[in-house]
C-alpha atoms as a PDB file:
ATOM      1  CA  MET A   1       0.000   0.000   0.000  1.00  0.00           C
ATOM      2  CA  LYS A   2       1.377   3.366  -0.972  1.00  0.00           C
ATOM      3  CA  SER A   3       1.825   5.773   1.930  1.00  0.00           C
ATOM      4  CA  LYS A   4      -0.104   8.990   1.787  1.00  0.00           C
ATOM      5  CA  GLN A   5       1.470  12.379   2.245  1.00  0.00           C
ATOM      6  CA  PHE A   6       1.656  13.315   5.908  1.00  0.00           C
ATOM      7  CA  LYS A   7      -0.254  16.559   6.220  1.00  0.00           C
ATOM      8  CA  PRO A   8      -0.700  19.109   8.988  1.00  0.00           C
ATOM      9  CA  HIS A   9      -4.155  20.301   9.944  1.00  0.00           C
ATOM     10  CA  SER A  10      -5.291  23.646  11.219  1.00  0.00           C
ATOM     11  CA  SER A  11      -8.044  25.112  13.341  1.00  0.00           C
ATOM     12  CA  SER A  12      -9.322  28.606  13.989  1.00  0.00           C
ATOM     13  CA  SER A  13      -6.670  29.162  16.643  1.00  0.00           C
ATOM     14  CA  ASP A  14      -3.790  27.024  15.378  1.00  0.00           C
ATOM     15  CA  THR A  15      -2.152  26.711  11.993  1.00  0.00           C
ATOM     16  CA  ASN A  16       0.118  23.998  10.655  1.00  0.00           C
ATOM     17  CA  ILE A  17      -0.315  21.779  13.716  1.00  0.00           C
ATOM     18  CA  LEU A  18       0.817  18.214  13.082  1.00  0.00           C
ATOM     19  CA  ALA A  19      -1.586  15.474  14.148  1.00  0.00           C
ATOM     20  CA  ALA A  20      -0.753  12.012  15.418  1.00  0.00           C
ATOM     21  CA  GLU A  21      -2.810   9.020  16.491  1.00  0.00           C
ATOM     22  CA  ARG A  22      -1.895   6.699  19.343  1.00  0.00           C
ATOM     23  CA  GLU A  23      -0.872   3.816  17.066  1.00  0.00           C
ATOM     24  CA  GLN A  24       1.408   6.116  15.098  1.00  0.00           C
ATOM     25  CA  VAL A  25       3.129   7.369  18.238  1.00  0.00           C
ATOM     26  CA  LEU A  26       3.594   3.833  19.553  1.00  0.00           C
ATOM     27  CA  ALA A  27       5.053   2.700  16.229  1.00  0.00           C
ATOM     28  CA  PHE A  28       7.446   5.659  16.271  1.00  0.00           C
ATOM     29  CA  ARG A  29       8.596   4.928  19.819  1.00  0.00           C
ATOM     30  CA  LEU A  30       9.059   1.218  19.190  1.00  0.00           C
ATOM     31  CA  ALA A  31      11.176   1.993  16.139  1.00  0.00           C
ATOM     32  CA  ARG A  32      13.324   4.570  17.924  1.00  0.00           C
ATOM     33  CA  HIS A  33      13.937   2.136  20.792  1.00  0.00           C
ATOM     34  CA  ASN A  34      14.997  -0.468  18.210  1.00  0.00           C
ATOM     35  CA  LEU A  35      12.186  -2.761  19.355  1.00  0.00           C
ATOM     36  CA  SER A  36      10.320  -3.083  16.060  1.00  0.00           C
ATOM     37  CA  ARG A  37      13.414  -4.166  14.158  1.00  0.00           C
ATOM     38  CA  ARG A  38      16.611  -5.314  15.832  1.00  0.00           C
ATOM     39  CA  LEU A  39      19.948  -3.713  15.070  1.00  0.00           C
ATOM     40  CA  PRO A  40      22.661  -5.726  13.308  1.00  0.00           C
ATOM     41  CA  ALA A  41      25.273  -7.186  15.632  1.00  0.00           C
ATOM     42  CA  ASP A  42      28.018  -4.799  14.492  1.00  0.00           C
ATOM     43  CA  GLU A  43      25.868  -1.767  15.435  1.00  0.00           C
ATOM     44  CA  TRP A  44      24.774  -2.901  18.879  1.00  0.00           C
ATOM     45  CA  LEU A  45      26.192   0.138  20.703  1.00  0.00           C
ATOM     46  CA  LYS A  46      23.547   2.253  18.965  1.00  0.00           C
ATOM     47  CA  ALA A  47      20.986   0.621  21.244  1.00  0.00           C
ATOM     48  CA  ALA A  48      22.483   2.528  24.186  1.00  0.00           C
ATOM     49  CA  THR A  49      23.075   5.763  22.316  1.00  0.00           C
ATOM     50  CA  ALA A  50      19.469   6.939  22.165  1.00  0.00           C
ATOM     51  CA  CYS A  51      18.481   7.070  25.840  1.00  0.00           C
ATOM     52  CA  GLY A  52      20.817   4.632  27.558  1.00  0.00           C
ATOM     53  CA  ILE A  53      19.920   1.128  28.740  1.00  0.00           C
ATOM     54  CA  GLN A  54      18.777   0.823  32.347  1.00  0.00           C
ATOM     55  CA  ASN A  55      20.324  -1.943  34.433  1.00  0.00           C
ATOM     56  CA  THR A  56      17.642  -2.388  37.090  1.00  0.00           C
ATOM     57  CA  PRO A  57      17.627  -5.021  38.470  1.00  0.00           C
ATOM     58  CA  PRO A  58      21.341  -5.719  37.978  1.00  0.00           C
ATOM     59  CA  GLY A  59      21.907  -7.874  34.912  1.00  0.00           C
ATOM     60  CA  SER A  60      18.712  -6.856  33.137  1.00  0.00           C
ATOM     61  CA  ALA A  61      20.592  -4.608  30.703  1.00  0.00           C
ATOM     62  CA  GLU A  62      21.868  -7.635  28.798  1.00  0.00           C
ATOM     63  CA  LEU A  63      18.287  -8.749  28.206  1.00  0.00           C
ATOM     64  CA  ALA A  64      17.431  -5.246  26.993  1.00  0.00           C
ATOM     65  CA  PHE A  65      20.311  -5.364  24.509  1.00  0.00           C
ATOM     66  CA  LEU A  66      19.239  -8.839  23.384  1.00  0.00           C
ATOM     67  CA  ALA A  67      15.750  -7.518  22.605  1.00  0.00           C
ATOM     68  CA  ARG A  68      17.239  -4.741  20.470  1.00  0.00           C
ATOM     69  CA  VAL A  69      20.206  -6.399  18.752  1.00  0.00           C
ATOM     70  CA  ALA A  70      20.327  -9.413  16.441  1.00  0.00           C
ATOM     71  CA  ASP A  71      22.945 -12.015  17.401  1.00  0.00           C
ATOM     72  CA  PHE A  72      23.857 -10.114  20.553  1.00  0.00           C
ATOM     73  CA  THR A  73      26.413 -12.006  22.659  1.00  0.00           C
ATOM     74  CA  PRO A  74      27.597 -11.670  26.277  1.00  0.00           C
ATOM     75  CA  GLU A  75      31.141 -11.795  24.923  1.00  0.00           C
ATOM     76  CA  ALA A  76      30.646  -8.600  22.914  1.00  0.00           C
ATOM     77  CA  PHE A  77      29.018  -6.927  25.913  1.00  0.00           C
ATOM     78  CA  ASN A  78      31.851  -7.873  28.286  1.00  0.00           C
ATOM     79  CA  ARG A  79      34.479  -6.808  25.778  1.00  0.00           C
ATOM     80  CA  ALA A  80      32.865  -3.381  25.430  1.00  0.00           C
ATOM     81  CA  ILE A  81      32.760  -2.695  29.167  1.00  0.00           C
ATOM     82  CA  LYS A  82      36.004  -4.358  30.278  1.00  0.00           C
ATOM     83  CA  ILE A  83      38.464  -4.244  27.374  1.00  0.00           C
ATOM     84  CA  ASP A  84      37.435  -1.703  24.741  1.00  0.00           C
ATOM     85  CA  LYS A  85      35.789   0.468  27.425  1.00  0.00           C
ATOM     86  CA  THR A  86      33.322   1.834  24.891  1.00  0.00           C
ATOM     87  CA  LEU A  87      30.416   1.313  27.289  1.00  0.00           C
ATOM     88  CA  LEU A  88      30.043   2.761  30.799  1.00  0.00           C
ATOM     89  CA  GLN A  89      27.623   2.073  33.629  1.00  0.00           C
ATOM     90  CA  MET A  90      26.793   4.991  35.901  1.00  0.00           C
ATOM     91  CA  TRP A  91      23.954   6.451  37.921  1.00  0.00           C
ATOM     92  CA  THR A  92      22.229   8.779  35.503  1.00  0.00           C
ATOM     93  CA  MET A  93      18.514   9.284  34.683  1.00  0.00           C
ATOM     94  CA  ARG A  94      16.462   9.131  37.890  1.00  0.00           C
ATOM     95  CA  ILE A  95      19.798   8.468  39.617  1.00  0.00           C
ATOM     96  CA  SER A  96      19.505   4.844  38.524  1.00  0.00           C
ATOM     97  CA  PRO A  97      22.146   2.673  36.818  1.00  0.00           C
ATOM     98  CA  HIS A  98      22.261   2.874  33.035  1.00  0.00           C
ATOM     99  CA  TYR A  99      24.711   1.781  30.363  1.00  0.00           C
ATOM    100  CA  PHE A 100      25.622   4.312  27.683  1.00  0.00           C
ATOM    101  CA  PRO A 101      28.485   4.828  25.195  1.00  0.00           C
ATOM    102  CA  THR A 102      31.626   6.230  26.767  1.00  0.00           C
ATOM    103  CA  ARG A 103      31.702   9.047  24.218  1.00  0.00           C
ATOM    104  CA  ASP A 104      28.361  10.248  25.617  1.00  0.00           C
ATOM    105  CA  LEU A 105      29.545  10.568  29.216  1.00  0.00           C
ATOM    106  CA  ALA A 106      28.800  14.301  29.404  1.00  0.00           C
ATOM    107  CA  VAL A 107      25.287  13.945  27.973  1.00  0.00           C
ATOM    108  CA  PHE A 108      24.238  11.366  30.563  1.00  0.00           C
ATOM    109  CA  THR A 109      25.935  13.026  33.555  1.00  0.00           C
ATOM    110  CA  SER A 110      26.488  16.768  33.103  1.00  0.00           C
ATOM    111  CA  GLY A 111      23.255  16.903  31.132  1.00  0.00           C
ATOM    112  CA  LEU A 112      21.360  16.013  34.311  1.00  0.00           C
ATOM    113  CA  LEU A 113      23.419  17.954  36.824  1.00  0.00           C
ATOM    114  CA  PRO A 114      21.445  20.594  38.754  1.00  0.00           C
ATOM    115  CA  LEU A 115      23.216  23.903  38.252  1.00  0.00           C
ATOM    116  CA  ASP A 116      21.745  26.118  40.980  1.00  0.00           C
ATOM    117  CA  GLU A 117      20.746  25.969  44.631  1.00  0.00           C
ATOM    118  CA  VAL A 118      17.049  25.422  43.959  1.00  0.00           C
ATOM    119  CA  ALA A 119      17.680  22.508  41.593  1.00  0.00           C
ATOM    120  CA  ILE A 120      20.160  20.856  43.968  1.00  0.00           C
ATOM    121  CA  ARG A 121      17.730  21.211  46.873  1.00  0.00           C
ATOM    122  CA  PHE A 122      15.121  19.443  44.769  1.00  0.00           C
ATOM    123  CA  ALA A 123      17.542  16.583  44.063  1.00  0.00           C
ATOM    124  CA  ILE A 124      18.338  16.002  47.744  1.00  0.00           C
ATOM    125  CA  GLN A 125      15.080  17.262  49.226  1.00  0.00           C
ATOM    126  CA  ASN A 126      14.873  14.610  51.948  1.00  0.00           C
ATOM    127  CA  PHE A 127      18.195  15.883  53.385  1.00  0.00           C
ATOM    128  CA  VAL A 128      17.467  19.597  53.019  1.00  0.00           C
ATOM    129  CA  PRO A 129      15.993  20.057  56.544  1.00  0.00           C
ATOM    130  CA  ASP A 130      19.238  18.701  58.027  1.00  0.00           C
ATOM    131  CA  LEU A 131      21.305  21.084  55.908  1.00  0.00           C
ATOM    132  CA  ASP A 132      19.125  24.052  56.871  1.00  0.00           C
ATOM    133  CA  ARG A 133      19.552  23.283  60.563  1.00  0.00           C
ATOM    134  CA  ALA A 134      23.327  23.115  60.048  1.00  0.00           C
ATOM    135  CA  GLY A 135      23.416  26.307  57.983  1.00  0.00           C
ATOM    136  CA  ILE A 136      24.915  24.558  54.950  1.00  0.00           C
ATOM    137  CA  SER A 137      23.684  25.260  51.429  1.00  0.00           C
ATOM    138  CA  ALA A 138      22.791  22.390  49.142  1.00  0.00           C
ATOM    139  CA  THR A 139      25.385  23.635  46.661  1.00  0.00           C
ATOM    140  CA  GLU A 140      28.134  23.495  49.265  1.00  0.00           C
ATOM    141  CA  ALA A 141      27.017  20.032  50.388  1.00  0.00           C
ATOM    142  CA  TYR A 142      27.207  18.758  46.809  1.00  0.00           C
ATOM    143  CA  GLN A 143      30.617  20.308  46.175  1.00  0.00           C
ATOM    144  CA  LEU A 144      32.159  19.062  49.424  1.00  0.00           C
ATOM    145  CA  THR A 145      30.764  15.568  49.014  1.00  0.00           C
ATOM    146  CA  THR A 146      31.884  15.269  45.388  1.00  0.00           C
ATOM    147  CA  LYS A 147      35.393  16.318  46.405  1.00  0.00           C
ATOM    148  CA  ALA A 148      35.445  13.787  49.250  1.00  0.00           C
ATOM    149  CA  MET A 149      34.193  10.990  46.995  1.00  0.00           C
ATOM    150  CA  THR A 150      36.841  11.564  44.324  1.00  0.00           C
ATOM    151  CA  GLU A 151      39.595  11.866  46.932  1.00  0.00           C
ATOM    152  CA  ALA A 152      38.500   8.640  48.606  1.00  0.00           C
ATOM    153  CA  LEU A 153      38.655   6.845  45.237  1.00  0.00           C
ATOM    154  CA  ASP A 154      42.124   8.124  44.361  1.00  0.00           C
ATOM    155  CA  GLY A 155      43.977   5.022  43.153  1.00  0.00           C
ATOM    156  CA  LYS A 156      41.328   2.714  44.612  1.00  0.00           C
ATOM    157  CA  ARG A 157      38.299   0.629  43.749  1.00  0.00           C
ATOM    158  CA  LEU A 158      35.768   0.727  46.561  1.00  0.00           C
ATOM    159  CA  THR A 159      32.423  -0.882  47.204  1.00  0.00           C
ATOM    160  CA  LYS A 160      29.514   1.378  47.984  1.00  0.00           C
ATOM    161  CA  GLY A 161      29.885   0.843  51.731  1.00  0.00           C
ATOM    162  CA  GLU A 162      33.644   1.356  51.613  1.00  0.00           C
ATOM    163  CA  LEU A 163      33.286   4.538  49.570  1.00  0.00           C
ATOM    164  CA  SER A 164      30.637   6.002  51.851  1.00  0.00           C
ATOM    165  CA  SER A 165      32.774   5.246  54.901  1.00  0.00           C
ATOM    166  CA  ALA A 166      36.017   6.580  53.391  1.00  0.00           C
ATOM    167  CA  ALA A 167      34.423   9.746  52.005  1.00  0.00           C
ATOM    168  CA  GLY A 168      32.470  10.277  55.218  1.00  0.00           C
ATOM    169  CA  LYS A 169      35.723  10.530  57.167  1.00  0.00           C
ATOM    170  CA  LEU A 170      36.636  13.549  55.014  1.00  0.00           C
ATOM    171  CA  LEU A 171      33.352  15.351  55.675  1.00  0.00           C
ATOM    172  CA  SER A 172      31.798  17.309  58.497  1.00  0.00           C
ATOM    173  CA  PRO A 173      29.368  15.282  60.663  1.00  0.00           C
ATOM    174  CA  ASP A 174      26.699  17.731  59.469  1.00  0.00           C
ATOM    175  CA  LEU A 175      26.877  16.111  56.032  1.00  0.00           C
ATOM    176  CA  LEU A 176      26.305  12.614  57.376  1.00  0.00           C
ATOM    177  CA  ARG A 177      23.214  10.803  58.590  1.00  0.00           C
ATOM    178  CA  TRP A 178      22.925   8.120  61.245  1.00  0.00           C
ATOM    179  CA  CYS A 179      22.166   4.640  59.885  1.00  0.00           C
ATOM    180  CA  ALA A 180      20.326   2.532  62.448  1.00  0.00           C
ATOM    181  CA  GLY A 181      20.952  -0.638  60.450  1.00  0.00           C
ATOM    182  CA  CYS A 182      24.751  -0.583  60.628  1.00  0.00           C
ATOM    183  CA  LYS A 183      24.919   1.781  63.581  1.00  0.00           C
ATOM    184  CA  SER A 184      27.217   4.317  61.939  1.00  0.00           C
ATOM    185  CA  ASN A 185      27.095   7.635  60.093  1.00  0.00           C
ATOM    186  CA  HIS A 186      26.828   7.598  56.309  1.00  0.00           C
ATOM    187  CA  ILE A 187      26.509  10.057  53.449  1.00  0.00           C
ATOM    188  CA  PRO A 188      22.741  10.313  52.744  1.00  0.00           C
ATOM    189  CA  GLU A 189      21.727   8.190  49.762  1.00  0.00           C
ATOM    190  CA  SER A 190      20.328  11.072  47.716  1.00  0.00           C
ATOM    191  CA  LEU A 191      23.518  13.112  48.160  1.00  0.00           C
ATOM    192  CA  PHE A 192      25.733  10.091  47.523  1.00  0.00           C
ATOM    193  CA  ARG A 193      24.019   9.350  44.216  1.00  0.00           C
ATOM    194  CA  LEU A 194      23.844  12.978  43.119  1.00  0.00           C
ATOM    195  CA  THR A 195      27.636  13.236  43.156  1.00  0.00           C
ATOM    196  CA  ALA A 196      27.745  10.606  40.396  1.00  0.00           C
ATOM    197  CA  LEU A 197      26.348  13.222  38.005  1.00  0.00           C
ATOM    198  CA  SER A 198      29.710  14.966  38.277  1.00  0.00           C
ATOM    199  CA  GLY A 199      30.905  12.327  35.811  1.00  0.00           C
ATOM    200  CA  LEU A 200      34.023  11.797  37.914  1.00  0.00           C
ATOM    201  CA  PHE A 201      33.360   8.226  39.004  1.00  0.00           C
ATOM    202  CA  GLY A 202      31.306   5.264  37.876  1.00  0.00           C
ATOM    203  CA  PHE A 203      30.738   1.545  38.277  1.00  0.00           C
ATOM    204  CA  TYR A 204      33.750  -0.741  38.035  1.00  0.00           C
ATOM    205  CA  PRO A 205      32.851  -3.865  36.009  1.00  0.00           C
ATOM    206  CA  GLY A 206      34.173  -6.428  38.466  1.00  0.00           C
ATOM    207  CA  GLU A 207      33.470 -10.129  38.641  1.00  0.00           C
ATOM    208  CA  ASN A 208      31.466 -10.163  41.887  1.00  0.00           C
ATOM    209  CA  ASN A 209      27.958  -8.938  42.562  1.00  0.00           C
ATOM    210  CA  GLN A 210      29.022  -6.033  44.757  1.00  0.00           C
ATOM    211  CA  THR A 211      28.593  -2.508  43.426  1.00  0.00           C
ATOM    212  CA  THR A 212      32.137  -1.173  43.115  1.00  0.00           C
ATOM    213  CA  PHE A 213      33.231   2.300  42.055  1.00  0.00           C
ATOM    214  CA  ILE A 214      36.290   3.697  40.296  1.00  0.00           C
ATOM    215  CA  ARG A 215      37.327   7.146  39.123  1.00  0.00           C
ATOM    216  CA  ILE A 216      36.498   7.553  35.441  1.00  0.00           C
ATOM    217  CA  GLU A 217      39.842   9.196  34.729  1.00  0.00           C
ATOM    218  CA  GLU A 218      41.675   6.189  36.159  1.00  0.00           C
ATOM    219  CA  TRP A 219      39.439   3.664  34.381  1.00  0.00           C
ATOM    220  CA  LEU A 220      39.760   5.308  30.969  1.00  0.00           C
ATOM    221  CA  GLY A 221      43.375   6.371  31.430  1.00  0.00           C
ATOM    222  CA  ALA A 222      42.634  10.016  30.667  1.00  0.00           C
ATOM    223  CA  ALA A 223      40.393  12.818  31.825  1.00  0.00           C
ATOM    224  CA  HIS A 224      37.166  13.102  29.854  1.00  0.00           C
ATOM    225  CA  PRO A 225      36.925  16.391  27.905  1.00  0.00           C
ATOM    226  CA  GLU A 226      34.901  19.064  29.666  1.00  0.00           C
ATOM    227  CA  THR A 227      31.540  19.888  28.132  1.00  0.00           C
ATOM    228  CA  ASP A 228      29.148  22.784  28.607  1.00  0.00           C
ATOM    229  CA  PRO A 229      26.474  21.337  30.960  1.00  0.00           C
ATOM    230  CA  VAL A 230      23.791  23.538  29.398  1.00  0.00           C
ATOM    231  CA  GLU A 231      24.441  22.129  25.942  1.00  0.00           C
ATOM    232  CA  ALA A 232      24.732  18.608  27.385  1.00  0.00           C
ATOM    233  CA  ALA A 233      21.268  19.040  28.916  1.00  0.00           C
ATOM    234  CA  ARG A 234      19.828  20.205  25.603  1.00  0.00           C
ATOM    235  CA  GLU A 235      21.310  17.212  23.819  1.00  0.00           C
ATOM    236  CA  LEU A 236      19.780  14.909  26.423  1.00  0.00           C
ATOM    237  CA  ALA A 237      16.376  16.517  25.810  1.00  0.00           C
ATOM    238  CA  ARG A 238      16.802  15.995  22.073  1.00  0.00           C
ATOM    239  CA  ARG A 239      17.553  12.332  22.634  1.00  0.00           C
ATOM    240  CA  TYR A 240      14.578  11.991  24.936  1.00  0.00           C
ATOM    241  CA  LEU A 241      12.314  13.451  22.259  1.00  0.00           C
ATOM    242  CA  GLY A 242      13.960  11.221  19.685  1.00  0.00           C
ATOM    243  CA  CYS A 243      12.653   8.214  21.650  1.00  0.00           C
ATOM    244  CA  TYR A 244       9.561   9.442  23.484  1.00  0.00           C
ATOM    245  CA  ALA A 245       7.990  12.172  21.348  1.00  0.00           C
ATOM    246  CA  PRO A 246       5.460  13.643  21.507  1.00  0.00           C
ATOM    247  CA  SER A 247       6.060  14.787  25.062  1.00  0.00           C
ATOM    248  CA  THR A 248       6.191  17.726  27.450  1.00  0.00           C
ATOM    249  CA  ALA A 249       8.767  19.359  29.698  1.00  0.00           C
ATOM    250  CA  LYS A 250       6.899  17.897  32.668  1.00  0.00           C
ATOM    251  CA  HIS A 251       7.267  14.366  31.350  1.00  0.00           C
ATOM    252  CA  PHE A 252      10.912  15.018  30.485  1.00  0.00           C
ATOM    253  CA  ALA A 253      11.481  16.014  34.121  1.00  0.00           C
ATOM    254  CA  GLU A 254       9.886  12.785  35.343  1.00  0.00           C
ATOM    255  CA  TRP A 255      11.923  10.645  32.942  1.00  0.00           C
ATOM    256  CA  ALA A 256      15.195  12.393  33.757  1.00  0.00           C
ATOM    257  CA  GLY A 257      14.563  12.668  37.496  1.00  0.00           C
ATOM    258  CA  ILE A 258      15.172  16.417  37.619  1.00  0.00           C
ATOM    259  CA  SER A 259      13.109  19.328  38.880  1.00  0.00           C
ATOM    260  CA  PRO A 260      10.285  20.665  36.674  1.00  0.00           C
ATOM    261  CA  ALA A 261      12.009  24.055  36.644  1.00  0.00           C
ATOM    262  CA  GLN A 262      15.307  22.549  35.455  1.00  0.00           C
ATOM    263  CA  ALA A 263      13.507  20.604  32.742  1.00  0.00           C
ATOM    264  CA  GLN A 264      11.583  23.685  31.609  1.00  0.00           C
ATOM    265  CA  THR A 265      14.795  25.698  31.291  1.00  0.00           C
ATOM    266  CA  THR A 266      16.296  22.995  29.082  1.00  0.00           C
ATOM    267  CA  TRP A 267      13.065  22.722  27.073  1.00  0.00           C
ATOM    268  CA  GLU A 268      13.086  26.452  26.400  1.00  0.00           C
ATOM    269  CA  GLY A 269      16.698  26.157  25.239  1.00  0.00           C
ATOM    270  CA  ILE A 270      15.611  23.985  22.308  1.00  0.00           C
ATOM    271  CA  ALA A 271      12.306  25.776  21.723  1.00  0.00           C
ATOM    272  CA  GLU A 272      13.159  26.606  18.113  1.00  0.00           C
ATOM    273  CA  GLU A 273      13.540  22.876  17.415  1.00  0.00           C
ATOM    274  CA  LEU A 274      10.078  21.987  18.720  1.00  0.00           C
ATOM    275  CA  GLN A 275       6.742  21.856  17.005  1.00  0.00           C
ATOM    276  CA  GLU A 276       3.279  21.498  18.487  1.00  0.00           C
ATOM    277  CA  ILE A 277       1.474  18.192  18.048  1.00  0.00           C
ATOM    278  CA  ASP A 278      -2.236  17.528  18.316  1.00  0.00           C
ATOM    279  CA  PHE A 279      -2.098  14.045  19.817  1.00  0.00           C
ATOM    280  CA  ALA A 280      -5.248  12.102  18.967  1.00  0.00           C
ATOM    281  CA  GLY A 281      -7.196  15.359  18.880  1.00  0.00           C
ATOM    282  CA  LYS A 282      -6.401  16.232  22.478  1.00  0.00           C
ATOM    283  CA  LYS A 283      -4.396  19.014  24.029  1.00  0.00           C
ATOM    284  CA  PRO A 284      -2.666  17.859  27.233  1.00  0.00           C
ATOM    285  CA  GLY A 285      -3.515  19.572  30.481  1.00  0.00           C
ATOM    286  CA  CYS A 286      -0.010  19.294  31.884  1.00  0.00           C
ATOM    287  CA  GLY A 287       2.371  21.986  30.776  1.00  0.00           C
ATOM    288  CA  GLY A 288       0.757  23.327  27.629  1.00  0.00           C
ATOM    289  CA  PRO A 289       0.728  21.898  24.096  1.00  0.00           C
ATOM    290  CA  ILE A 290       2.553  18.661  23.445  1.00  0.00           C
ATOM    291  CA  LYS A 291       5.861  19.438  21.819  1.00  0.00           C
ATOM    292  CA  LEU A 292       7.747  17.365  19.305  1.00  0.00           C
ATOM    293  CA  ALA A 293      11.268  17.900  17.984  1.00  0.00           C
ATOM    294  CA  LEU A 294      10.932  19.350  14.514  1.00  0.00           C
ATOM    295  CA  SER A 295      14.126  17.993  12.932  1.00  0.00           C
ATOM    296  CA  ARG A 296      13.224  15.615  10.114  1.00  0.00           C
ATOM    297  CA  ARG A 297      16.631  13.969  10.441  1.00  0.00           C
ATOM    298  CA  ARG A 298      15.901  12.993  14.041  1.00  0.00           C
ATOM    299  CA  LEU A 299      12.278  12.056  13.543  1.00  0.00           C
ATOM    300  CA  GLN A 300      12.212  10.025  10.375  1.00  0.00           C
ATOM    301  CA  VAL A 301      11.930   6.296  11.001  1.00  0.00           C
ATOM    302  CA  GLU A 302      11.361   3.331   8.744  1.00  0.00           C
ATOM    303  CA  CYS A 303       7.701   2.671   8.065  1.00  0.00           C
ATOM    304  CA  VAL A 304       7.845  -0.728   9.794  1.00  0.00           C
ATOM    305  CA  PHE A 305       4.107  -1.384   9.615  1.00  0.00           C
ATOM    306  CA  CYS A 306       3.587   0.080   6.124  1.00  0.00           C
ATOM    307  CA  ARG A 307       0.527   2.013   7.238  1.00  0.00           C
ATOM    308  CA  PRO A 308      -0.744   5.095   5.406  1.00  0.00           C
ATOM    309  CA  THR A 309       0.153   8.433   6.946  1.00  0.00           C
ATOM    310  CA  MET A 310       2.756   6.791   9.150  1.00  0.00           C
ATOM    311  CA  PHE A 311       3.877   9.090  11.958  1.00  0.00           C
ATOM    312  CA  ILE A 312       6.933  10.945  10.587  1.00  0.00           C
ATOM    313  CA  CYS A 313       8.052   7.948   8.552  1.00  0.00           C
ATOM    314  CA  ASN A 314      10.569   7.891   5.735  1.00  0.00           C
ATOM    315  CA  CYS A 315       7.651   7.887   3.325  1.00  0.00           C
ATOM    316  CA  VAL A 316       6.886  11.456   4.367  1.00  0.00           C
ATOM    317  CA  THR A 317       8.415  14.207   2.300  1.00  0.00           C
ATOM    318  CA  ALA A 318       9.036  17.673   3.678  1.00  0.00           C
END
């Protein structure tokens, strides 16, 4: 069946608004997640390029790759993380473990990093009352803890408990919280995980089941090039839209695990790349019109179901 020309529609208040039905959006998302057609084995890293591959529970990432890549093998996966070092595992979106290409380190770390006091307070909100009582800003807490974590890892590989204990010895008691379970003071979990967005340390791919950390510079043998965090955040938003469009800044915040204000700032930074979508004839009530990245290069996907008026498929001409 020959695909029809994808056409915008207009109303009395809106002109040139693209329209999309639910099945079209689902087909688009499946294709962009490489779930409608698997990648060839020699392109398997592309599966992690789009939005990373979450590894929760531990070990599930390999299954996710297998669903997206033809002839995927554990040997190729282990070679990438342990020998070629082209794949990293770090806490990133929603401060949860994800695999992503090493070259994209800044996008998946700096791109999520809160850059002001309000955003950092949001990220560690359960510890904010303690900081306020101690007269310590959230920004200072983040900076001091990140410094302590990287110093504690200097030349070492430490488990989570070892790292928390070693870094805690370098910090003021005001930055620690009593743990009734092990009867000792630890760095609060939210603050501990937030420091990972510095991009300075990540998971060491050891042989045991313990979560072990290493400094990225020591693992890769060189410091990773610095990147503008504002541009890194915009690139992350583009990738999110490349997989989950149509969407809103609110939903981007939920997916990324950042404050709504931080997400909105990033969204506004790529405003010229966005276009309004009328999704199944409805305007969302959360954050204004649904927005979709406008770039044809990013949005075109293979018309895997060969349906007419496929949602931004390759059959569509500009």
